[in-house]
Amino acid sequence: MKISIDEFDRKILTILQEDAARPVADVAKQVGLSPTPCWRRIRLLEEAGVIRGRVALLDRRRLNVGVTVFVAVRTNQHNQEWLERFSRAVESIPEVVEFYRMAGDIDYLLRVVVPDIAAYDGVYKRLIEKIDLTDVSSTFAMEELKYTTAVPLTYAARSAAD
């Protein structure tokens, strides 16, 4: 489904990225619409898949998973069957919160959150138990300098496609 993103939509999305629990009446007031048209726009953005869901953002440190590990994986297996097995293995490990197929020297990049190095070692052992990997390199973040879930909206096309 194609949807035209206008300035009202950008404002609505900006507000919802900051606080998705905000009442529609508040969002409408802030963007200069009445509540019903604002609600319709939000529903259309949801139906078009622009808004994929609404979540609560949790504080990792307060939940004892304050250590971030970036795991670079290289493999000599470049076939669909291996990728599907690897994807299933990664999906089964909740500590892996992001998973990317890369271009360049690294084939896959994972972001893992754990309480400490020992917990990461357990994640690593579970991963290699499920799938053969050629080369794994782990890098521990020393300090989080910027973290956001907000997507920049300045690039939102006039006609956003699926």
Protein backbone atom coordinates (compact mmCIF):
# COMPACT_ATOMS: atom_id res chain seq x y z
CA MET A 1 0.00 0.00 0.00
CA LYS A 2 1.36 3.41 -0.95
CA ILE A 3 0.84 6.34 1.35
CA SER A 4 1.64 9.99 0.90
CA ILE A 5 3.59 11.37 3.87
CA ASP A 6 2.89 15.06 4.44
CA GLU A 7 3.99 17.53 7.10
CA PHE A 8 1.10 16.57 9.44
CA ASP A 9 2.17 12.92 9.21
CA ARG A 10 5.80 13.83 9.95
CA LYS A 11 4.72 15.77 13.03
CA ILE A 12 2.50 12.91 14.19
CA LEU A 13 5.30 10.39 13.69
CA THR A 14 7.80 12.61 15.53
CA ILE A 15 5.48 12.81 18.54
CA LEU A 16 4.68 9.08 18.52
CA GLN A 17 8.40 8.19 18.30
CA GLU A 18 8.91 10.17 21.52
CA ASP A 19 5.87 8.70 23.32
CA ALA A 20 3.59 6.20 21.58
CA ALA A 21 1.24 6.17 24.60
CA ARG A 22 0.35 9.83 24.16
CA PRO A 23 -3.42 10.37 23.88
CA VAL A 24 -4.63 11.15 20.35
CA ALA A 25 -6.20 14.39 21.61
CA ASP A 26 -2.76 15.60 22.77
CA VAL A 27 -1.11 14.58 19.50
CA ALA A 28 -3.87 16.29 17.51
CA LYS A 29 -3.53 19.51 19.48
CA GLN A 30 0.23 19.60 19.04
CA VAL A 31 0.07 19.07 15.25
CA GLY A 32 -2.87 21.41 14.66
CA LEU A 33 -5.61 18.90 13.81
CA SER A 34 -8.82 17.88 15.52
CA PRO A 35 -8.74 14.44 17.17
CA THR A 36 -10.77 12.51 14.57
CA PRO A 37 -8.65 13.42 11.52
CA CYS A 38 -5.50 12.86 13.59
CA TRP A 39 -6.75 9.41 14.64
CA ARG A 40 -7.55 8.58 11.00
CA ARG A 41 -4.04 9.55 9.94
CA ILE A 42 -2.53 7.37 12.67
CA ARG A 43 -4.72 4.42 11.61
CA LEU A 44 -3.71 4.93 7.95
CA LEU A 45 -0.02 5.04 8.94
CA GLU A 46 -0.53 1.78 10.86
CA GLU A 47 -2.42 0.10 8.00
CA ALA A 48 0.28 1.15 5.53
CA GLY A 49 2.94 -0.38 7.78
CA VAL A 50 4.70 2.94 8.43
CA ILE A 51 3.88 2.43 12.12
CA ARG A 52 4.82 -1.22 12.65
CA GLY A 53 3.92 -1.37 16.32
CA ARG A 54 3.99 0.43 19.63
CA VAL A 55 6.32 -0.73 22.36
CA ALA A 56 7.64 0.17 25.79
CA LEU A 57 11.34 1.03 25.79
CA LEU A 58 13.03 -0.59 28.76
CA ASP A 59 16.13 0.48 30.64
CA ARG A 60 18.68 -2.28 30.00
CA ARG A 61 20.83 -1.37 32.99
CA ARG A 62 17.92 -1.58 35.42
CA LEU A 63 17.14 -5.00 33.97
CA ASN A 64 20.76 -6.15 34.39
CA VAL A 65 21.65 -6.33 30.68
CA GLY A 66 23.76 -3.19 30.48
CA VAL A 67 26.69 -4.67 28.53
CA THR A 68 26.47 -4.36 24.74
CA VAL A 69 28.51 -6.70 22.55
CA PHE A 70 28.88 -6.34 18.77
CA VAL A 71 29.55 -9.73 17.22
CA ALA A 72 31.03 -9.85 13.71
CA VAL A 73 30.60 -13.18 11.95
CA ARG A 74 32.40 -14.37 8.85
CA THR A 75 31.44 -17.60 7.16
CA ASN A 76 32.47 -19.69 4.20
CA GLN A 77 28.87 -20.90 3.88
CA HIS A 78 26.97 -18.72 1.42
CA ASN A 79 23.86 -20.73 0.69
CA GLN A 80 20.20 -20.37 1.60
CA GLU A 81 20.02 -23.50 3.77
CA TRP A 82 22.92 -22.34 5.99
CA LEU A 83 21.45 -18.83 6.24
CA GLU A 84 18.08 -20.23 7.33
CA ARG A 85 19.75 -22.43 9.98
CA PHE A 86 21.85 -19.49 11.18
CA SER A 87 18.80 -17.22 11.31
CA ARG A 88 16.87 -19.80 13.37
CA ALA A 89 19.84 -20.16 15.73
CA VAL A 90 20.08 -16.40 16.21
CA GLU A 91 16.30 -16.03 16.65
CA SER A 92 16.38 -18.59 19.45
CA ILE A 93 18.80 -16.49 21.52
CA PRO A 94 16.94 -13.61 23.23
CA GLU A 95 20.14 -11.76 24.11
CA VAL A 96 20.64 -11.06 20.39
CA VAL A 97 18.58 -7.91 19.91
CA GLU A 98 19.75 -6.98 16.39
CA PHE A 99 20.93 -9.13 13.48
CA TYR A 100 22.16 -7.89 10.08
CA ARG A 101 23.54 -9.39 6.89
CA MET A 102 26.40 -7.13 5.84
CA ALA A 103 28.33 -6.14 2.73
CA GLY A 104 32.12 -6.04 2.95
CA ASP A 105 34.54 -8.01 5.09
CA ILE A 106 31.96 -9.06 7.68
CA ASP A 107 29.10 -11.35 6.63
CA TYR A 108 26.80 -10.83 9.63
CA LEU A 109 26.66 -8.43 12.56
CA LEU A 110 24.82 -9.10 15.80
CA ARG A 111 24.16 -6.80 18.72
CA VAL A 112 23.93 -8.70 21.98
CA VAL A 113 22.94 -7.38 25.42
CA VAL A 114 24.06 -9.22 28.56
CA PRO A 115 24.96 -8.46 32.18
CA ASP A 116 28.67 -9.34 31.86
CA ILE A 117 31.41 -11.15 29.93
CA ALA A 118 30.53 -14.51 31.49
CA ALA A 119 26.94 -14.20 30.27
CA TYR A 120 28.21 -13.33 26.78
CA ASP A 121 30.40 -16.45 26.87
CA GLY A 122 27.23 -18.46 27.50
CA VAL A 123 25.52 -16.79 24.52
CA TYR A 124 28.56 -17.52 22.34
CA LYS A 125 28.57 -21.20 23.39
CA ARG A 126 24.84 -21.54 22.64
CA LEU A 127 25.39 -19.99 19.22
CA ILE A 128 28.32 -22.20 18.18
CA GLU A 129 26.45 -25.24 19.51
CA LYS A 130 23.68 -24.56 16.99
CA ILE A 131 25.68 -23.55 13.89
CA ASP A 132 29.20 -23.83 12.44
CA LEU A 133 30.89 -20.45 12.11
CA THR A 134 34.17 -19.72 10.33
CA ASP A 135 35.25 -16.62 12.26
CA VAL A 136 33.63 -14.76 15.16
CA SER A 137 34.95 -11.48 16.55
CA SER A 138 33.33 -9.87 19.59
CA THR A 139 33.70 -6.23 20.56
CA PHE A 140 32.44 -4.88 23.88
CA ALA A 141 31.04 -1.35 24.01
CA MET A 142 32.73 0.69 26.71
CA GLU A 143 30.18 3.50 26.78
CA GLU A 144 26.90 4.20 25.01
CA LEU A 145 27.20 7.71 23.59
CA LYS A 146 23.99 7.78 21.56
CA TYR A 147 21.05 5.43 21.41
CA THR A 148 17.70 6.10 19.86
CA THR A 149 14.88 4.15 18.30
CA ALA A 150 13.66 7.27 16.45
CA VAL A 151 13.91 7.16 12.67
CA PRO A 152 14.87 10.42 10.91
CA LEU A 153 11.79 11.71 9.13
CA THR A 154 13.42 14.29 6.88
CA TYR A 155 13.84 11.60 4.22
CA ALA A 156 10.24 10.36 4.36
CA ALA A 157 9.11 10.26 0.75
CA ARG A 158 6.00 11.95 -0.46
CA SER A 159 4.88 8.49 -1.51
CA ALA A 160 6.07 5.77 0.86
CA ALA A 161 5.82 2.26 -0.58
CA ASP A 162 5.70 -1.14 1.14
